[in-house]
PDB file of N, CA and C in Angstrom:
ATOM      1  N   MET A   1     169.790 -71.770 -66.151  1.00  0.00           N
ATOM      2  CA  MET A   1     169.522 -70.031 -64.662  1.00  0.00           C
ATOM      3  C   MET A   1     170.621 -70.192 -63.938  1.00  0.00           C
ATOM      4  N   ILE A   2     171.030 -69.356 -62.965  1.00  0.00           N
ATOM      5  CA  ILE A   2     170.911 -68.831 -61.521  1.00  0.00           C
ATOM      6  C   ILE A   2     170.108 -67.497 -61.394  1.00  0.00           C
ATOM      7  N   ASN A   3     169.388 -67.053 -60.653  1.00  0.00           N
ATOM      8  CA  ASN A   3     168.558 -66.722 -59.755  1.00  0.00           C
ATOM      9  C   ASN A   3     170.057 -65.797 -59.072  1.00  0.00           C
ATOM     10  N   ALA A   4     170.237 -64.219 -59.227  1.00  0.00           N
ATOM     11  CA  ALA A   4     171.341 -63.220 -58.342  1.00  0.00           C
ATOM     12  C   ALA A   4     170.517 -63.287 -56.930  1.00  0.00           C
ATOM     13  N   ALA A   5     169.567 -63.446 -57.239  1.00  0.00           N
ATOM     14  CA  ALA A   5     169.111 -62.821 -55.906  1.00  0.00           C
ATOM     15  C   ALA A   5     168.623 -63.501 -54.254  1.00  0.00           C
ATOM     16  N   THR A   6     168.590 -65.288 -54.867  1.00  0.00           N
ATOM     17  CA  THR A   6     168.809 -66.817 -54.182  1.00  0.00           C
ATOM     18  C   THR A   6     169.748 -67.699 -54.996  1.00  0.00           C
ATOM     19  N   ASP A   7     170.783 -67.256 -55.644  1.00  0.00           N
ATOM     20  CA  ASP A   7     171.565 -69.142 -56.158  1.00  0.00           C
ATOM     21  C   ASP A   7     170.958 -69.345 -56.160  1.00  0.00           C
ATOM     22  N   VAL A   8     169.614 -69.632 -56.501  1.00  0.00           N
ATOM     23  CA  VAL A   8     168.610 -70.736 -56.717  1.00  0.00           C
ATOM     24  C   VAL A   8     169.153 -70.685 -58.203  1.00  0.00           C
ATOM     25  N   PRO A   9     168.803 -72.406 -59.223  1.00  0.00           N
ATOM     26  CA  PRO A   9     168.607 -72.766 -60.851  1.00  0.00           C
ATOM     27  C   PRO A   9     167.029 -72.032 -60.432  1.00  0.00           C
ATOM     28  N   ALA A  10     167.216 -70.897 -61.395  1.00  0.00           N
ATOM     29  CA  ALA A  10     165.506 -70.217 -61.360  1.00  0.00           C
ATOM     30  C   ALA A  10     165.044 -71.674 -62.788  1.00  0.00           C
ATOM     31  N   THR A  11     164.130 -72.167 -62.816  1.00  0.00           N
ATOM     32  CA  THR A  11     163.634 -72.443 -63.678  1.00  0.00           C
ATOM     33  C   THR A  11     163.045 -71.541 -65.241  1.00  0.00           C
ATOM     34  N   SER A  12     162.553 -72.641 -66.018  1.00  0.00           N
ATOM     35  CA  SER A  12     162.833 -71.676 -67.156  1.00  0.00           C
ATOM     36  C   SER A  12     160.725 -71.974 -67.779  1.00  0.00           C
ATOM     37  N   PRO A  13     160.360 -71.355 -68.559  1.00  0.00           N
ATOM     38  CA  PRO A  13     158.971 -71.699 -68.452  1.00  0.00           C
ATOM     39  C   PRO A  13     158.024 -73.418 -69.786  1.00  0.00           C
ATOM     40  N   ASP A  14     159.649 -73.428 -69.907  1.00  0.00           N
ATOM     41  CA  ASP A  14     159.588 -74.509 -70.277  1.00  0.00           C
ATOM     42  C   ASP A  14     159.715 -75.592 -69.693  1.00  0.00           C
ATOM     43  N   GLY A  15     160.202 -76.291 -68.684  1.00  0.00           N
ATOM     44  CA  GLY A  15     161.045 -76.324 -67.945  1.00  0.00           C
ATOM     45  C   GLY A  15     159.457 -76.516 -66.772  1.00  0.00           C
ATOM     46  N   PRO A  16     160.543 -77.908 -65.771  1.00  0.00           N
ATOM     47  CA  PRO A  16     159.042 -78.069 -65.753  1.00  0.00           C
ATOM     48  C   PRO A  16     159.448 -77.844 -64.269  1.00  0.00           C
ATOM     49  N   CYS A  17     158.388 -77.184 -63.595  1.00  0.00           N
ATOM     50  CA  CYS A  17     158.228 -76.216 -62.026  1.00  0.00           C
ATOM     51  C   CYS A  17     158.925 -76.688 -60.596  1.00  0.00           C
ATOM     52  N   LEU A  18     159.228 -76.695 -59.740  1.00  0.00           N
ATOM     53  CA  LEU A  18     159.435 -76.883 -58.592  1.00  0.00           C
ATOM     54  C   LEU A  18     157.926 -77.111 -57.479  1.00  0.00           C
ATOM     55  N   THR A  19     158.486 -78.215 -56.418  1.00  0.00           N
ATOM     56  CA  THR A  19     157.000 -77.572 -55.753  1.00  0.00           C
ATOM     57  C   THR A  19     157.509 -75.978 -54.925  1.00  0.00           C
ATOM     58  N   PRO A  20     156.989 -76.231 -54.122  1.00  0.00           N
ATOM     59  CA  PRO A  20     157.538 -74.766 -53.282  1.00  0.00           C
ATOM     60  C   PRO A  20     158.977 -76.043 -52.099  1.00  0.00           C
ATOM     61  N   GLY A  21     158.058 -76.619 -50.969  1.00  0.00           N
ATOM     62  CA  GLY A  21     159.158 -77.118 -50.766  1.00  0.00           C
ATOM     63  C   GLY A  21     159.938 -77.670 -51.646  1.00  0.00           C
ATOM     64  N   GLU A  22     160.424 -78.445 -52.887  1.00  0.00           N
ATOM     65  CA  GLU A  22     161.676 -78.805 -53.759  1.00  0.00           C
ATOM     66  C   GLU A  22     162.209 -77.483 -53.583  1.00  0.00           C
ATOM     67  N   ALA A  23     161.152 -76.109 -53.916  1.00  0.00           N
ATOM     68  CA  ALA A  23     162.334 -74.692 -53.979  1.00  0.00           C
ATOM     69  C   ALA A  23     163.051 -75.199 -52.412  1.00  0.00           C
ATOM     70  N   LEU A  24     162.379 -74.530 -51.779  1.00  0.00           N
ATOM     71  CA  LEU A  24     162.866 -74.774 -50.219  1.00  0.00           C
ATOM     72  C   LEU A  24     164.555 -75.529 -49.663  1.00  0.00           C
ATOM     73  N   ALA A  25     163.940 -76.943 -50.318  1.00  0.00           N
ATOM     74  CA  ALA A  25     165.449 -77.436 -50.035  1.00  0.00           C
ATOM     75  C   ALA A  25     166.299 -76.808 -50.537  1.00  0.00           C
ATOM     76  N   LYS A  26     165.815 -76.486 -52.190  1.00  0.00           N
ATOM     77  CA  LYS A  26     166.880 -76.524 -53.036  1.00  0.00           C
ATOM     78  C   LYS A  26     167.271 -74.842 -52.647  1.00  0.00           C
ATOM     79  N   LEU A  27     166.789 -74.153 -52.345  1.00  0.00           N
ATOM     80  CA  LEU A  27     167.573 -72.477 -51.104  1.00  0.00           C
ATOM     81  C   LEU A  27     168.024 -73.011 -49.930  1.00  0.00           C
ATOM     82  N   PHE A  28     167.458 -74.452 -50.154  1.00  0.00           N
ATOM     83  CA  PHE A  28     168.633 -74.311 -48.238  1.00  0.00           C
ATOM     84  C   PHE A  28     169.944 -74.947 -48.603  1.00  0.00           C
ATOM     85  N   LEU A  29     170.314 -75.867 -49.383  1.00  0.00           N
ATOM     86  CA  LEU A  29     171.007 -76.374 -49.422  1.00  0.00           C
ATOM     87  C   LEU A  29     171.817 -76.208 -49.798  1.00  0.00           C
ATOM     88  N   ALA A  30     171.792 -74.599 -51.274  1.00  0.00           N
ATOM     89  CA  ALA A  30     172.695 -73.116 -51.640  1.00  0.00           C
ATOM     90  C   ALA A  30     174.028 -72.653 -50.598  1.00  0.00           C
ATOM     91  N   ASN A  31     172.550 -73.012 -49.930  1.00  0.00           N
ATOM     92  CA  ASN A  31     173.861 -71.699 -48.523  1.00  0.00           C
ATOM     93  C   ASN A  31     174.334 -72.574 -48.037  1.00  0.00           C
ATOM     94  N   ALA A  32     174.314 -73.512 -47.384  1.00  0.00           N
ATOM     95  CA  ALA A  32     174.613 -75.262 -46.632  1.00  0.00           C
ATOM     96  C   ALA A  32     176.315 -74.650 -47.642  1.00  0.00           C
ATOM     97  N   ASP A  33     175.813 -74.926 -49.524  1.00  0.00           N
ATOM     98  CA  ASP A  33     177.257 -74.756 -50.214  1.00  0.00           C
ATOM     99  C   ASP A  33     177.406 -74.265 -49.550  1.00  0.00           C
ATOM    100  N   LYS A  34     177.148 -72.973 -49.963  1.00  0.00           N
ATOM    101  CA  LYS A  34     178.380 -71.885 -49.723  1.00  0.00           C
ATOM    102  C   LYS A  34     178.531 -71.751 -48.263  1.00  0.00           C
ATOM    103  N   GLY A  35     179.119 -72.107 -47.787  1.00  0.00           N
ATOM    104  CA  GLY A  35     178.933 -71.507 -46.539  1.00  0.00           C
ATOM    105  C   GLY A  35     178.208 -70.593 -45.111  1.00  0.00           C
ATOM    106  N   ARG A  36     177.272 -70.717 -45.855  1.00  0.00           N
ATOM    107  CA  ARG A  36     175.968 -69.113 -44.846  1.00  0.00           C
ATOM    108  C   ARG A  36     174.956 -70.556 -44.320  1.00  0.00           C
ATOM    109  N   ASN A  37     175.992 -70.931 -43.327  1.00  0.00           N
ATOM    110  CA  ASN A  37     174.791 -71.494 -42.275  1.00  0.00           C
ATOM    111  C   ASN A  37     173.738 -70.614 -41.047  1.00  0.00           C
ATOM    112  N   ALA A  38     174.940 -69.464 -40.675  1.00  0.00           N
ATOM    113  CA  ALA A  38     173.632 -68.168 -39.673  1.00  0.00           C
ATOM    114  C   ALA A  38     172.459 -68.264 -40.788  1.00  0.00           C
ATOM    115  N   GLU A  39     172.366 -68.410 -42.765  1.00  0.00           N
ATOM    116  CA  GLU A  39     171.419 -68.203 -43.899  1.00  0.00           C
ATOM    117  C   GLU A  39     169.715 -68.909 -42.712  1.00  0.00           C
ATOM    118  N   ASN A  40     170.161 -69.810 -43.209  1.00  0.00           N
ATOM    119  CA  ASN A  40     169.505 -71.212 -42.802  1.00  0.00           C
ATOM    120  C   ASN A  40     170.267 -71.501 -41.752  1.00  0.00           C
ATOM    121  N   ASP A  41     170.192 -71.044 -40.960  1.00  0.00           N
ATOM    122  CA  ASP A  41     169.730 -70.684 -39.148  1.00  0.00           C
ATOM    123  C   ASP A  41     168.371 -69.794 -39.233  1.00  0.00           C
ATOM    124  N   VAL A  42     168.523 -68.576 -39.425  1.00  0.00           N
ATOM    125  CA  VAL A  42     167.239 -67.902 -39.319  1.00  0.00           C
ATOM    126  C   VAL A  42     166.070 -68.602 -40.565  1.00  0.00           C
ATOM    127  N   PHE A  43     166.475 -69.051 -41.387  1.00  0.00           N
ATOM    128  CA  PHE A  43     165.382 -69.617 -42.285  1.00  0.00           C
ATOM    129  C   PHE A  43     165.556 -71.219 -41.376  1.00  0.00           C
ATOM    130  N   VAL A  44     165.371 -72.130 -40.442  1.00  0.00           N
ATOM    131  CA  VAL A  44     164.481 -72.299 -39.702  1.00  0.00           C
ATOM    132  C   VAL A  44     164.382 -72.025 -38.998  1.00  0.00           C
ATOM    133  N   GLU A  45     164.411 -71.076 -37.923  1.00  0.00           N
ATOM    134  CA  GLU A  45     164.272 -70.199 -36.848  1.00  0.00           C
ATOM    135  C   GLU A  45     162.461 -70.312 -36.952  1.00  0.00           C
ATOM    136  N   GLU A  46     161.910 -69.227 -38.621  1.00  0.00           N
ATOM    137  CA  GLU A  46     161.134 -69.009 -39.351  1.00  0.00           C
ATOM    138  C   GLU A  46     160.057 -69.720 -39.342  1.00  0.00           C
ATOM    139  N   LEU A  47     161.059 -71.005 -40.332  1.00  0.00           N
ATOM    140  CA  LEU A  47     159.767 -72.179 -40.579  1.00  0.00           C
ATOM    141  C   LEU A  47     158.574 -72.445 -39.851  1.00  0.00           C
ATOM    142  N   LEU A  48     159.697 -72.919 -37.973  1.00  0.00           N
ATOM    143  CA  LEU A  48     158.966 -72.552 -37.161  1.00  0.00           C
ATOM    144  C   LEU A  48     158.708 -72.303 -37.025  1.00  0.00           C
ATOM    145  N   LYS A  49     158.378 -70.490 -36.115  1.00  0.00           N
ATOM    146  CA  LYS A  49     157.244 -69.689 -36.506  1.00  0.00           C
ATOM    147  C   LYS A  49     156.567 -70.532 -36.914  1.00  0.00           C
ATOM    148  N   ARG A  50     156.119 -70.138 -38.262  1.00  0.00           N
ATOM    149  CA  ARG A  50     155.497 -71.420 -39.055  1.00  0.00           C
ATOM    150  C   ARG A  50     154.521 -72.288 -38.566  1.00  0.00           C
ATOM    151  N   ARG A  51     154.567 -73.337 -38.092  1.00  0.00           N
ATOM    152  CA  ARG A  51     154.626 -74.038 -38.207  1.00  0.00           C
ATOM    153  C   ARG A  51     153.650 -73.596 -36.765  1.00  0.00           C
ATOM    154  N   ARG A  52     153.886 -73.368 -35.680  1.00  0.00           N
ATOM    155  CA  ARG A  52     153.747 -72.371 -35.129  1.00  0.00           C
ATOM    156  C   ARG A  52     152.759 -72.191 -34.476  1.00  0.00           C
ATOM    157  N   VAL A  53     152.297 -71.461 -35.404  1.00  0.00           N
ATOM    158  CA  VAL A  53     151.038 -70.145 -35.956  1.00  0.00           C
ATOM    159  C   VAL A  53     150.632 -70.949 -36.804  1.00  0.00           C
ATOM    160  N   ILE A  54     150.668 -71.564 -37.346  1.00  0.00           N
ATOM    161  CA  ILE A  54     149.460 -73.164 -38.100  1.00  0.00           C
ATOM    162  C   ILE A  54     149.315 -74.313 -37.507  1.00  0.00           C
ATOM    163  N   GLN A  55     149.914 -74.601 -35.933  1.00  0.00           N
ATOM    164  CA  GLN A  55     148.979 -75.556 -35.014  1.00  0.00           C
ATOM    165  C   GLN A  55     147.970 -74.610 -33.862  1.00  0.00           C
ATOM    166  N   ALA A  56     148.809 -73.294 -33.936  1.00  0.00           N
ATOM    167  CA  ALA A  56     147.708 -72.654 -33.127  1.00  0.00           C
ATOM    168  C   ALA A  56     146.731 -72.718 -33.496  1.00  0.00           C
ATOM    169  N   LEU A  57     146.575 -72.260 -34.671  1.00  0.00           N
ATOM    170  CA  LEU A  57     145.479 -72.125 -35.573  1.00  0.00           C
ATOM    171  C   LEU A  57     144.482 -73.611 -35.366  1.00  0.00           C
ATOM    172  N   VAL A  58     144.862 -74.446 -35.749  1.00  0.00           N
ATOM    173  CA  VAL A  58     144.266 -76.085 -35.688  1.00  0.00           C
ATOM    174  C   VAL A  58     143.705 -76.167 -34.372  1.00  0.00           C
ATOM    175  N   ASN A  59     144.841 -75.973 -33.721  1.00  0.00           N
ATOM    176  CA  ASN A  59     144.269 -76.066 -32.571  1.00  0.00           C
ATOM    177  C   ASN A  59     144.403 -75.816 -31.120  1.00  0.00           C
ATOM    178  N   PRO A  60     143.494 -74.690 -31.242  1.00  0.00           N
ATOM    179  CA  PRO A  60     143.593 -73.472 -30.460  1.00  0.00           C
ATOM    180  C   PRO A  60     143.355 -73.430 -29.134  1.00  0.00           C
ATOM    181  N   GLY A  61     143.113 -74.151 -28.173  1.00  0.00           N
ATOM    182  CA  GLY A  61     143.283 -73.907 -27.364  1.00  0.00           C
ATOM    183  C   GLY A  61     144.578 -74.567 -26.478  1.00  0.00           C
ATOM    184  N   GLU A  62     145.300 -76.069 -26.062  1.00  0.00           N
ATOM    185  CA  GLU A  62     146.550 -75.959 -27.043  1.00  0.00           C
ATOM    186  C   GLU A  62     147.367 -74.900 -26.418  1.00  0.00           C
TER     187      GLU A  62
END
């Protein structure tokens, strides 16, 4: 089964669940396979922004 919103294979309630990292990797690779490089660029930018926010919370003086 494919999730129409993301073109990523959906897991069934009976099947194995994906970790968040696995789900993000599948989304990234699905975008790459379809030539959606601009979408992956935005995806990576958002991941970097979130990492910076988390780092700022952990190390507020830096």
